[in-house]
Amino acid sequence: RGGDLGFFGKGQMVPEFEAAAFAMKKGEYSKAPVQTQFGWHVIKVVDKRRQPPPTFEEARGQIQEQLTRELIAAHMADLRADAEIELFNIDGSPVEEAPKQ
């Protein structure tokens, strides 16, 4: 594609590239080459557009997934806080506590 990256949003490129690209106006070239972990880049901003936020229906699955992870993490933290933990060796005998120093 001749180096054309197409449209991209924040968080999709490495920080150095992103900072330079988003600081430029439509039609501008980077004043100096931009160095990233991938090498040196001369950037030209051909066009800019705003991406509309997703609808609730489009984001529903991601929201459910995130809320589920948060609820499970909170539940696990509660269980651990109230748990009485005993350690055993592979043969089933209790692990003796190491002497406190």
PDB file of N, CA and C in Angstrom:
ATOM      1  N   ARG A   1       0.832  -1.201   0.000  1.00  0.00           N
ATOM      2  CA  ARG A   1       0.000   0.000   0.000  1.00  0.00           C
ATOM      3  C   ARG A   1       0.866   1.249   0.000  1.00  0.00           C
ATOM      4  N   GLY A   2       2.138   1.097  -0.319  1.00  0.00           N
ATOM      5  CA  GLY A   2       3.002   2.271  -0.456  1.00  0.00           C
ATOM      6  C   GLY A   2       3.212   3.053   0.827  1.00  0.00           C
ATOM      7  N   GLY A   3       3.081   2.401   1.966  1.00  0.00           N
ATOM      8  CA  GLY A   3       3.265   3.076   3.247  1.00  0.00           C
ATOM      9  C   GLY A   3       2.010   3.713   3.801  1.00  0.00           C
ATOM     10  N   ASP A   4       0.901   3.621   3.076  1.00  0.00           N
ATOM     11  CA  ASP A   4      -0.361   4.193   3.548  1.00  0.00           C
ATOM     12  C   ASP A   4      -0.899   3.334   4.693  1.00  0.00           C
ATOM     13  N   LEU A   5      -1.040   3.934   5.850  1.00  0.00           N
ATOM     14  CA  LEU A   5      -1.534   3.212   7.030  1.00  0.00           C
ATOM     15  C   LEU A   5      -3.043   3.293   7.167  1.00  0.00           C
ATOM     16  N   GLY A   6      -3.674   4.065   6.340  1.00  0.00           N
ATOM     17  CA  GLY A   6      -5.116   4.238   6.467  1.00  0.00           C
ATOM     18  C   GLY A   6      -5.443   5.047   7.719  1.00  0.00           C
ATOM     19  N   PHE A   7      -6.702   5.065   8.063  1.00  0.00           N
ATOM     20  CA  PHE A   7      -7.115   5.781   9.275  1.00  0.00           C
ATOM     21  C   PHE A   7      -6.800   4.923  10.492  1.00  0.00           C
ATOM     22  N   PHE A   8      -6.354   5.572  11.556  1.00  0.00           N
ATOM     23  CA  PHE A   8      -6.126   4.868  12.816  1.00  0.00           C
ATOM     24  C   PHE A   8      -6.478   5.803  13.955  1.00  0.00           C
ATOM     25  N   GLY A   9      -6.813   5.194  15.082  1.00  0.00           N
ATOM     26  CA  GLY A   9      -7.205   5.976  16.253  1.00  0.00           C
ATOM     27  C   GLY A   9      -6.125   5.951  17.317  1.00  0.00           C
ATOM     28  N   LYS A  10      -6.364   6.709  18.357  1.00  0.00           N
ATOM     29  CA  LYS A  10      -5.412   6.750  19.478  1.00  0.00           C
ATOM     30  C   LYS A  10      -5.296   5.372  20.098  1.00  0.00           C
ATOM     31  N   GLY A  11      -4.063   5.020  20.468  1.00  0.00           N
ATOM     32  CA  GLY A  11      -3.806   3.732  21.090  1.00  0.00           C
ATOM     33  C   GLY A  11      -3.536   2.623  20.089  1.00  0.00           C
ATOM     34  N   GLN A  12      -3.538   2.924  18.800  1.00  0.00           N
ATOM     35  CA  GLN A  12      -3.319   1.889  17.795  1.00  0.00           C
ATOM     36  C   GLN A  12      -1.893   1.880  17.255  1.00  0.00           C
ATOM     37  N   MET A  13      -1.128   2.923  17.507  1.00  0.00           N
ATOM     38  CA  MET A  13       0.255   3.025  17.018  1.00  0.00           C
ATOM     39  C   MET A  13       1.197   3.169  18.204  1.00  0.00           C
ATOM     40  N   VAL A  14       2.488   2.968  17.954  1.00  0.00           N
ATOM     41  CA  VAL A  14       3.461   3.159  19.033  1.00  0.00           C
ATOM     42  C   VAL A  14       3.436   4.627  19.451  1.00  0.00           C
ATOM     43  N   PRO A  15       3.716   4.932  20.728  1.00  0.00           N
ATOM     44  CA  PRO A  15       3.534   6.287  21.260  1.00  0.00           C
ATOM     45  C   PRO A  15       4.245   7.399  20.479  1.00  0.00           C
ATOM     46  N   GLU A  16       5.498   7.166  20.062  1.00  0.00           N
ATOM     47  CA  GLU A  16       6.245   8.219  19.372  1.00  0.00           C
ATOM     48  C   GLU A  16       5.583   8.586  18.036  1.00  0.00           C
ATOM     49  N   PHE A  17       5.181   7.558  17.302  1.00  0.00           N
ATOM     50  CA  PHE A  17       4.530   7.772  16.006  1.00  0.00           C
ATOM     51  C   PHE A  17       3.187   8.468  16.202  1.00  0.00           C
ATOM     52  N   GLU A  18       2.432   7.969  17.159  1.00  0.00           N
ATOM     53  CA  GLU A  18       1.107   8.517  17.422  1.00  0.00           C
ATOM     54  C   GLU A  18       1.176   9.984  17.837  1.00  0.00           C
ATOM     55  N   ALA A  19       2.105  10.309  18.721  1.00  0.00           N
ATOM     56  CA  ALA A  19       2.238  11.697  19.188  1.00  0.00           C
ATOM     57  C   ALA A  19       2.535  12.633  18.022  1.00  0.00           C
ATOM     58  N   ALA A  20       3.439  12.218  17.151  1.00  0.00           N
ATOM     59  CA  ALA A  20       3.789  13.062  16.010  1.00  0.00           C
ATOM     60  C   ALA A  20       2.607  13.187  15.054  1.00  0.00           C
ATOM     61  N   ALA A  21       1.965  12.073  14.727  1.00  0.00           N
ATOM     62  CA  ALA A  21       0.871  12.087  13.748  1.00  0.00           C
ATOM     63  C   ALA A  21      -0.315  12.914  14.233  1.00  0.00           C
ATOM     64  N   PHE A  22      -0.682  12.772  15.500  1.00  0.00           N
ATOM     65  CA  PHE A  22      -1.855  13.493  15.998  1.00  0.00           C
ATOM     66  C   PHE A  22      -1.566  14.971  16.262  1.00  0.00           C
ATOM     67  N   ALA A  23      -0.291  15.366  16.293  1.00  0.00           N
ATOM     68  CA  ALA A  23       0.056  16.774  16.488  1.00  0.00           C
ATOM     69  C   ALA A  23       0.027  17.546  15.166  1.00  0.00           C
ATOM     70  N   MET A  24      -0.066  16.819  14.042  1.00  0.00           N
ATOM     71  CA  MET A  24      -0.011  17.444  12.722  1.00  0.00           C
ATOM     72  C   MET A  24      -1.405  17.747  12.185  1.00  0.00           C
ATOM     73  N   LYS A  25      -1.455  18.702  11.245  1.00  0.00           N
ATOM     74  CA  LYS A  25      -2.711  19.052  10.587  1.00  0.00           C
ATOM     75  C   LYS A  25      -2.797  18.340   9.242  1.00  0.00           C
ATOM     76  N   LYS A  26      -3.976  18.272   8.709  1.00  0.00           N
ATOM     77  CA  LYS A  26      -4.205  17.664   7.400  1.00  0.00           C
ATOM     78  C   LYS A  26      -3.293  18.324   6.361  1.00  0.00           C
ATOM     79  N   GLY A  27      -2.578  17.492   5.585  1.00  0.00           N
ATOM     80  CA  GLY A  27      -1.690  17.989   4.537  1.00  0.00           C
ATOM     81  C   GLY A  27      -0.256  18.232   4.979  1.00  0.00           C
ATOM     82  N   GLU A  28       0.033  18.168   6.272  1.00  0.00           N
ATOM     83  CA  GLU A  28       1.389  18.425   6.765  1.00  0.00           C
ATOM     84  C   GLU A  28       2.268  17.180   6.702  1.00  0.00           C
ATOM     85  N   TYR A  29       3.580  17.423   6.532  1.00  0.00           N
ATOM     86  CA  TYR A  29       4.607  16.396   6.673  1.00  0.00           C
ATOM     87  C   TYR A  29       5.265  16.586   8.032  1.00  0.00           C
ATOM     88  N   SER A  30       5.864  15.534   8.577  1.00  0.00           N
ATOM     89  CA  SER A  30       6.618  15.696   9.823  1.00  0.00           C
ATOM     90  C   SER A  30       7.844  16.561   9.521  1.00  0.00           C
ATOM     91  N   LYS A  31       8.143  17.501  10.408  1.00  0.00           N
ATOM     92  CA  LYS A  31       9.270  18.434  10.205  1.00  0.00           C
ATOM     93  C   LYS A  31      10.605  17.704  10.248  1.00  0.00           C
ATOM     94  N   ALA A  32      10.671  16.655  11.052  1.00  0.00           N
ATOM     95  CA  ALA A  32      11.883  15.831  11.169  1.00  0.00           C
ATOM     96  C   ALA A  32      11.434  14.377  11.205  1.00  0.00           C
ATOM     97  N   PRO A  33      12.301  13.457  10.792  1.00  0.00           N
ATOM     98  CA  PRO A  33      11.923  12.036  10.875  1.00  0.00           C
ATOM     99  C   PRO A  33      11.613  11.643  12.324  1.00  0.00           C
ATOM    100  N   VAL A  34      10.688  10.731  12.475  1.00  0.00           N
ATOM    101  CA  VAL A  34      10.252  10.270  13.794  1.00  0.00           C
ATOM    102  C   VAL A  34      10.837   8.880  14.020  1.00  0.00           C
ATOM    103  N   GLN A  35      11.551   8.696  15.140  1.00  0.00           N
ATOM    104  CA  GLN A  35      12.155   7.394  15.430  1.00  0.00           C
ATOM    105  C   GLN A  35      11.241   6.594  16.348  1.00  0.00           C
ATOM    106  N   THR A  36      11.029   5.316  15.982  1.00  0.00           N
ATOM    107  CA  THR A  36      10.288   4.377  16.821  1.00  0.00           C
ATOM    108  C   THR A  36      11.089   3.086  16.874  1.00  0.00           C
ATOM    109  N   GLN A  37      10.584   2.106  17.571  1.00  0.00           N
ATOM    110  CA  GLN A  37      11.246   0.806  17.647  1.00  0.00           C
ATOM    111  C   GLN A  37      11.309   0.127  16.279  1.00  0.00           C
ATOM    112  N   PHE A  38      10.524   0.607  15.322  1.00  0.00           N
ATOM    113  CA  PHE A  38      10.488   0.016  13.987  1.00  0.00           C
ATOM    114  C   PHE A  38      11.386   0.742  12.996  1.00  0.00           C
ATOM    115  N   GLY A  39      12.018   1.837  13.414  1.00  0.00           N
ATOM    116  CA  GLY A  39      12.907   2.586  12.529  1.00  0.00           C
ATOM    117  C   GLY A  39      12.530   4.051  12.488  1.00  0.00           C
ATOM    118  N   TRP A  40      12.908   4.691  11.384  1.00  0.00           N
ATOM    119  CA  TRP A  40      12.657   6.114  11.200  1.00  0.00           C
ATOM    120  C   TRP A  40      11.492   6.305  10.237  1.00  0.00           C
ATOM    121  N   HIS A  41      10.677   7.328  10.487  1.00  0.00           N
ATOM    122  CA  HIS A  41       9.475   7.537   9.686  1.00  0.00           C
ATOM    123  C   HIS A  41       9.326   9.015   9.317  1.00  0.00           C
ATOM    124  N   VAL A  42       8.936   9.252   8.068  1.00  0.00           N
ATOM    125  CA  VAL A  42       8.489  10.577   7.648  1.00  0.00           C
ATOM    126  C   VAL A  42       6.984  10.433   7.487  1.00  0.00           C
ATOM    127  N   ILE A  43       6.252  11.278   8.174  1.00  0.00           N
ATOM    128  CA  ILE A  43       4.792  11.137   8.227  1.00  0.00           C
ATOM    129  C   ILE A  43       4.137  12.265   7.442  1.00  0.00           C
ATOM    130  N   LYS A  44       3.149  11.913   6.651  1.00  0.00           N
ATOM    131  CA  LYS A  44       2.290  12.907   6.004  1.00  0.00           C
ATOM    132  C   LYS A  44       0.855  12.572   6.380  1.00  0.00           C
ATOM    133  N   VAL A  45       0.155  13.568   6.914  1.00  0.00           N
ATOM    134  CA  VAL A  45      -1.253  13.388   7.258  1.00  0.00           C
ATOM    135  C   VAL A  45      -2.063  13.782   6.026  1.00  0.00           C
ATOM    136  N   VAL A  46      -2.660  12.798   5.389  1.00  0.00           N
ATOM    137  CA  VAL A  46      -3.429  13.031   4.169  1.00  0.00           C
ATOM    138  C   VAL A  46      -4.841  13.505   4.504  1.00  0.00           C
ATOM    139  N   ASP A  47      -5.422  12.929   5.547  1.00  0.00           N
ATOM    140  CA  ASP A  47      -6.790  13.284   5.909  1.00  0.00           C
ATOM    141  C   ASP A  47      -7.004  12.953   7.383  1.00  0.00           C
ATOM    142  N   LYS A  48      -7.992  13.555   7.961  1.00  0.00           N
ATOM    143  CA  LYS A  48      -8.388  13.268   9.347  1.00  0.00           C
ATOM    144  C   LYS A  48      -9.890  13.112   9.380  1.00  0.00           C
ATOM    145  N   ARG A  49     -10.359  12.288  10.293  1.00  0.00           N
ATOM    146  CA  ARG A  49     -11.801  12.160  10.501  1.00  0.00           C
ATOM    147  C   ARG A  49     -12.049  11.738  11.938  1.00  0.00           C
ATOM    148  N   ARG A  50     -13.230  12.041  12.405  1.00  0.00           N
ATOM    149  CA  ARG A  50     -13.628  11.616  13.743  1.00  0.00           C
ATOM    150  C   ARG A  50     -14.415  10.331  13.598  1.00  0.00           C
ATOM    151  N   GLN A  51     -14.080   9.386  14.445  1.00  0.00           N
ATOM    152  CA  GLN A  51     -14.808   8.126  14.435  1.00  0.00           C
ATOM    153  C   GLN A  51     -15.921   8.227  15.466  1.00  0.00           C
ATOM    154  N   PRO A  52     -17.147   7.969  15.051  1.00  0.00           N
ATOM    155  CA  PRO A  52     -18.234   8.065  16.035  1.00  0.00           C
ATOM    156  C   PRO A  52     -18.102   6.957  17.081  1.00  0.00           C
ATOM    157  N   PRO A  53     -18.516   7.243  18.304  1.00  0.00           N
ATOM    158  CA  PRO A  53     -18.447   6.201  19.332  1.00  0.00           C
ATOM    159  C   PRO A  53     -19.386   5.051  18.964  1.00  0.00           C
ATOM    160  N   PRO A  54     -19.054   3.840  19.415  1.00  0.00           N
ATOM    161  CA  PRO A  54     -19.929   2.707  19.093  1.00  0.00           C
ATOM    162  C   PRO A  54     -21.279   2.858  19.786  1.00  0.00           C
ATOM    163  N   THR A  55     -22.284   2.256  19.185  1.00  0.00           N
ATOM    164  CA  THR A  55     -23.598   2.246  19.819  1.00  0.00           C
ATOM    165  C   THR A  55     -23.543   1.274  20.998  1.00  0.00           C
ATOM    166  N   PHE A  56     -24.551   1.357  21.860  1.00  0.00           N
ATOM    167  CA  PHE A  56     -24.599   0.439  22.995  1.00  0.00           C
ATOM    168  C   PHE A  56     -24.630  -1.006  22.512  1.00  0.00           C
ATOM    169  N   GLU A  57     -25.406  -1.276  21.479  1.00  0.00           N
ATOM    170  CA  GLU A  57     -25.507  -2.645  20.962  1.00  0.00           C
ATOM    171  C   GLU A  57     -24.165  -3.142  20.440  1.00  0.00           C
ATOM    172  N   GLU A  58     -23.384  -2.258  19.798  1.00  0.00           N
ATOM    173  CA  GLU A  58     -22.069  -2.643  19.285  1.00  0.00           C
ATOM    174  C   GLU A  58     -21.088  -2.920  20.434  1.00  0.00           C
ATOM    175  N   ALA A  59     -21.229  -2.199  21.541  1.00  0.00           N
ATOM    176  CA  ALA A  59     -20.309  -2.329  22.666  1.00  0.00           C
ATOM    177  C   ALA A  59     -20.794  -3.312  23.731  1.00  0.00           C
ATOM    178  N   ARG A  60     -22.021  -3.790  23.622  1.00  0.00           N
ATOM    179  CA  ARG A  60     -22.650  -4.624  24.653  1.00  0.00           C
ATOM    180  C   ARG A  60     -21.767  -5.813  25.067  1.00  0.00           C
ATOM    181  N   GLY A  61     -21.253  -6.579  24.126  1.00  0.00           N
ATOM    182  CA  GLY A  61     -20.437  -7.756  24.446  1.00  0.00           C
ATOM    183  C   GLY A  61     -19.192  -7.397  25.230  1.00  0.00           C
ATOM    184  N   GLN A  62     -18.517  -6.338  24.803  1.00  0.00           N
ATOM    185  CA  GLN A  62     -17.302  -5.901  25.496  1.00  0.00           C
ATOM    186  C   GLN A  62     -17.619  -5.412  26.911  1.00  0.00           C
ATOM    187  N   ILE A  63     -18.724  -4.701  27.070  1.00  0.00           N
ATOM    188  CA  ILE A  63     -19.131  -4.204  28.395  1.00  0.00           C
ATOM    189  C   ILE A  63     -19.463  -5.379  29.312  1.00  0.00           C
ATOM    190  N   GLN A  64     -20.207  -6.354  28.799  1.00  0.00           N
ATOM    191  CA  GLN A  64     -20.555  -7.533  29.605  1.00  0.00           C
ATOM    192  C   GLN A  64     -19.299  -8.287  30.037  1.00  0.00           C
ATOM    193  N   GLU A  65     -18.366  -8.437  29.111  1.00  0.00           N
ATOM    194  CA  GLU A  65     -17.121  -9.143  29.415  1.00  0.00           C
ATOM    195  C   GLU A  65     -16.349  -8.430  30.529  1.00  0.00           C
ATOM    196  N   GLN A  66     -16.221  -7.106  30.413  1.00  0.00           N
ATOM    197  CA  GLN A  66     -15.490  -6.336  31.417  1.00  0.00           C
ATOM    198  C   GLN A  66     -16.175  -6.408  32.783  1.00  0.00           C
ATOM    199  N   LEU A  67     -17.485  -6.245  32.819  1.00  0.00           N
ATOM    200  CA  LEU A  67     -18.206  -6.311  34.091  1.00  0.00           C
ATOM    201  C   LEU A  67     -18.101  -7.699  34.720  1.00  0.00           C
ATOM    202  N   THR A  68     -18.155  -8.734  33.902  1.00  0.00           N
ATOM    203  CA  THR A  68     -18.023 -10.100  34.410  1.00  0.00           C
ATOM    204  C   THR A  68     -16.648 -10.297  35.044  1.00  0.00           C
ATOM    205  N   ARG A  69     -15.592  -9.831  34.348  1.00  0.00           N
ATOM    206  CA  ARG A  69     -14.228  -9.949  34.905  1.00  0.00           C
ATOM    207  C   ARG A  69     -14.111  -9.216  36.234  1.00  0.00           C
ATOM    208  N   GLU A  70     -14.690  -8.011  36.313  1.00  0.00           N
ATOM    209  CA  GLU A  70     -14.621  -7.222  37.547  1.00  0.00           C
ATOM    210  C   GLU A  70     -15.364  -7.915  38.682  1.00  0.00           C
ATOM    211  N   LEU A  71     -16.549  -8.462  38.406  1.00  0.00           N
ATOM    212  CA  LEU A  71     -17.324  -9.153  39.440  1.00  0.00           C
ATOM    213  C   LEU A  71     -16.598 -10.411  39.928  1.00  0.00           C
ATOM    214  N   ILE A  72     -16.027 -11.167  39.011  1.00  0.00           N
ATOM    215  CA  ILE A  72     -15.288 -12.383  39.391  1.00  0.00           C
ATOM    216  C   ILE A  72     -14.069 -12.016  40.237  1.00  0.00           C
ATOM    217  N   ALA A  73     -13.335 -10.978  39.839  1.00  0.00           N
ATOM    218  CA  ALA A  73     -12.157 -10.553  40.599  1.00  0.00           C
ATOM    219  C   ALA A  73     -12.545 -10.126  42.020  1.00  0.00           C
ATOM    220  N   ALA A  74     -13.636  -9.371  42.142  1.00  0.00           N
ATOM    221  CA  ALA A  74     -14.091  -8.938  43.471  1.00  0.00           C
ATOM    222  C   ALA A  74     -14.522 -10.135  44.310  1.00  0.00           C
ATOM    223  N   HIS A  75     -15.237 -11.068  43.699  1.00  0.00           N
ATOM    224  CA  HIS A  75     -15.681 -12.267  44.416  1.00  0.00           C
ATOM    225  C   HIS A  75     -14.480 -13.102  44.877  1.00  0.00           C
ATOM    226  N   MET A  76     -13.481 -13.273  44.010  1.00  0.00           N
ATOM    227  CA  MET A  76     -12.283 -14.036  44.369  1.00  0.00           C
ATOM    228  C   MET A  76     -11.522 -13.350  45.512  1.00  0.00           C
ATOM    229  N   ALA A  77     -11.457 -12.027  45.478  1.00  0.00           N
ATOM    230  CA  ALA A  77     -10.773 -11.292  46.554  1.00  0.00           C
ATOM    231  C   ALA A  77     -11.488 -11.511  47.878  1.00  0.00           C
ATOM    232  N   ASP A  78     -12.824 -11.499  47.877  1.00  0.00           N
ATOM    233  CA  ASP A  78     -13.601 -11.763  49.094  1.00  0.00           C
ATOM    234  C   ASP A  78     -13.349 -13.178  49.599  1.00  0.00           C
ATOM    235  N   LEU A  79     -13.343 -14.139  48.693  1.00  0.00           N
ATOM    236  CA  LEU A  79     -13.108 -15.531  49.093  1.00  0.00           C
ATOM    237  C   LEU A  79     -11.715 -15.696  49.698  1.00  0.00           C
ATOM    238  N   ARG A  80     -10.725 -15.087  49.083  1.00  0.00           N
ATOM    239  CA  ARG A  80      -9.351 -15.201  49.599  1.00  0.00           C
ATOM    240  C   ARG A  80      -9.215 -14.550  50.974  1.00  0.00           C
ATOM    241  N   ALA A  81      -9.905 -13.427  51.159  1.00  0.00           N
ATOM    242  CA  ALA A  81      -9.805 -12.710  52.437  1.00  0.00           C
ATOM    243  C   ALA A  81     -10.350 -13.557  53.588  1.00  0.00           C
ATOM    244  N   ASP A  82     -11.366 -14.369  53.323  1.00  0.00           N
ATOM    245  CA  ASP A  82     -11.990 -15.190  54.358  1.00  0.00           C
ATOM    246  C   ASP A  82     -11.446 -16.616  54.417  1.00  0.00           C
ATOM    247  N   ALA A  83     -10.532 -16.953  53.507  1.00  0.00           N
ATOM    248  CA  ALA A  83     -10.065 -18.342  53.410  1.00  0.00           C
ATOM    249  C   ALA A  83      -9.033 -18.679  54.474  1.00  0.00           C
ATOM    250  N   GLU A  84      -9.089 -19.912  54.918  1.00  0.00           N
ATOM    251  CA  GLU A  84      -8.049 -20.451  55.791  1.00  0.00           C
ATOM    252  C   GLU A  84      -7.254 -21.421  54.914  1.00  0.00           C
ATOM    253  N   ILE A  85      -6.019 -21.076  54.661  1.00  0.00           N
ATOM    254  CA  ILE A  85      -5.220 -21.834  53.699  1.00  0.00           C
ATOM    255  C   ILE A  85      -4.251 -22.755  54.416  1.00  0.00           C
ATOM    256  N   GLU A  86      -4.260 -24.012  54.009  1.00  0.00           N
ATOM    257  CA  GLU A  86      -3.324 -25.000  54.536  1.00  0.00           C
ATOM    258  C   GLU A  86      -2.517 -25.535  53.363  1.00  0.00           C
ATOM    259  N   LEU A  87      -1.203 -25.646  53.540  1.00  0.00           N
ATOM    260  CA  LEU A  87      -0.329 -26.154  52.490  1.00  0.00           C
ATOM    261  C   LEU A  87       0.069 -27.593  52.788  1.00  0.00           C
ATOM    262  N   PHE A  88       0.114 -28.406  51.722  1.00  0.00           N
ATOM    263  CA  PHE A  88       0.482 -29.817  51.859  1.00  0.00           C
ATOM    264  C   PHE A  88       1.579 -30.161  50.867  1.00  0.00           C
ATOM    265  N   ASN A  89       2.430 -31.085  51.267  1.00  0.00           N
ATOM    266  CA  ASN A  89       3.451 -31.629  50.375  1.00  0.00           C
ATOM    267  C   ASN A  89       2.781 -32.555  49.368  1.00  0.00           C
ATOM    268  N   ILE A  90       3.531 -32.943  48.361  1.00  0.00           N
ATOM    269  CA  ILE A  90       2.991 -33.801  47.320  1.00  0.00           C
ATOM    270  C   ILE A  90       2.531 -35.157  47.862  1.00  0.00           C
ATOM    271  N   ASP A  91       3.133 -35.601  48.974  1.00  0.00           N
ATOM    272  CA  ASP A  91       2.731 -36.889  49.558  1.00  0.00           C
ATOM    273  C   ASP A  91       1.511 -36.754  50.483  1.00  0.00           C
ATOM    274  N   GLY A  92       0.981 -35.542  50.616  1.00  0.00           N
ATOM    275  CA  GLY A  92      -0.204 -35.319  51.429  1.00  0.00           C
ATOM    276  C   GLY A  92       0.086 -34.890  52.851  1.00  0.00           C
ATOM    277  N   SER A  93       1.359 -34.876  53.256  1.00  0.00           N
ATOM    278  CA  SER A  93       1.694 -34.445  54.613  1.00  0.00           C
ATOM    279  C   SER A  93       1.696 -32.914  54.677  1.00  0.00           C
ATOM    280  N   PRO A  94       1.320 -32.367  55.840  1.00  0.00           N
ATOM    281  CA  PRO A  94       1.278 -30.912  55.977  1.00  0.00           C
ATOM    282  C   PRO A  94       2.674 -30.307  55.816  1.00  0.00           C
ATOM    283  N   VAL A  95       2.725 -29.150  55.191  1.00  0.00           N
ATOM    284  CA  VAL A  95       3.998 -28.416  55.044  1.00  0.00           C
ATOM    285  C   VAL A  95       4.294 -27.779  56.388  1.00  0.00           C
ATOM    286  N   GLU A  96       5.514 -28.025  56.873  1.00  0.00           N
ATOM    287  CA  GLU A  96       5.919 -27.414  58.131  1.00  0.00           C
ATOM    288  C   GLU A  96       6.318 -25.974  57.851  1.00  0.00           C
ATOM    289  N   GLU A  97       5.915 -25.091  58.770  1.00  0.00           N
ATOM    290  CA  GLU A  97       6.263 -23.690  58.618  1.00  0.00           C
ATOM    291  C   GLU A  97       7.760 -23.522  58.739  1.00  0.00           C
ATOM    292  N   ALA A  98       8.314 -22.660  57.906  1.00  0.00           N
ATOM    293  CA  ALA A  98       9.745 -22.364  58.000  1.00  0.00           C
ATOM    294  C   ALA A  98       9.957 -21.532  59.259  1.00  0.00           C
ATOM    295  N   PRO A  99      11.080 -21.754  59.938  1.00  0.00           N
ATOM    296  CA  PRO A  99      11.357 -20.949  61.151  1.00  0.00           C
ATOM    297  C   PRO A  99      11.419 -19.463  60.802  1.00  0.00           C
ATOM    298  N   LYS A 100      10.778 -18.657  61.635  1.00  0.00           N
ATOM    299  CA  LYS A 100      10.772 -17.210  61.417  1.00  0.00           C
ATOM    300  C   LYS A 100      12.118 -16.642  61.813  1.00  0.00           C
ATOM    301  N   GLN A 101      12.614 -15.774  61.002  1.00  0.00           N
ATOM    302  CA  GLN A 101      13.956 -15.187  61.275  1.00  0.00           C
ATOM    303  C   GLN A 101      13.837 -13.800  61.817  1.00  0.00           C
TER     304      GLN A 101
END
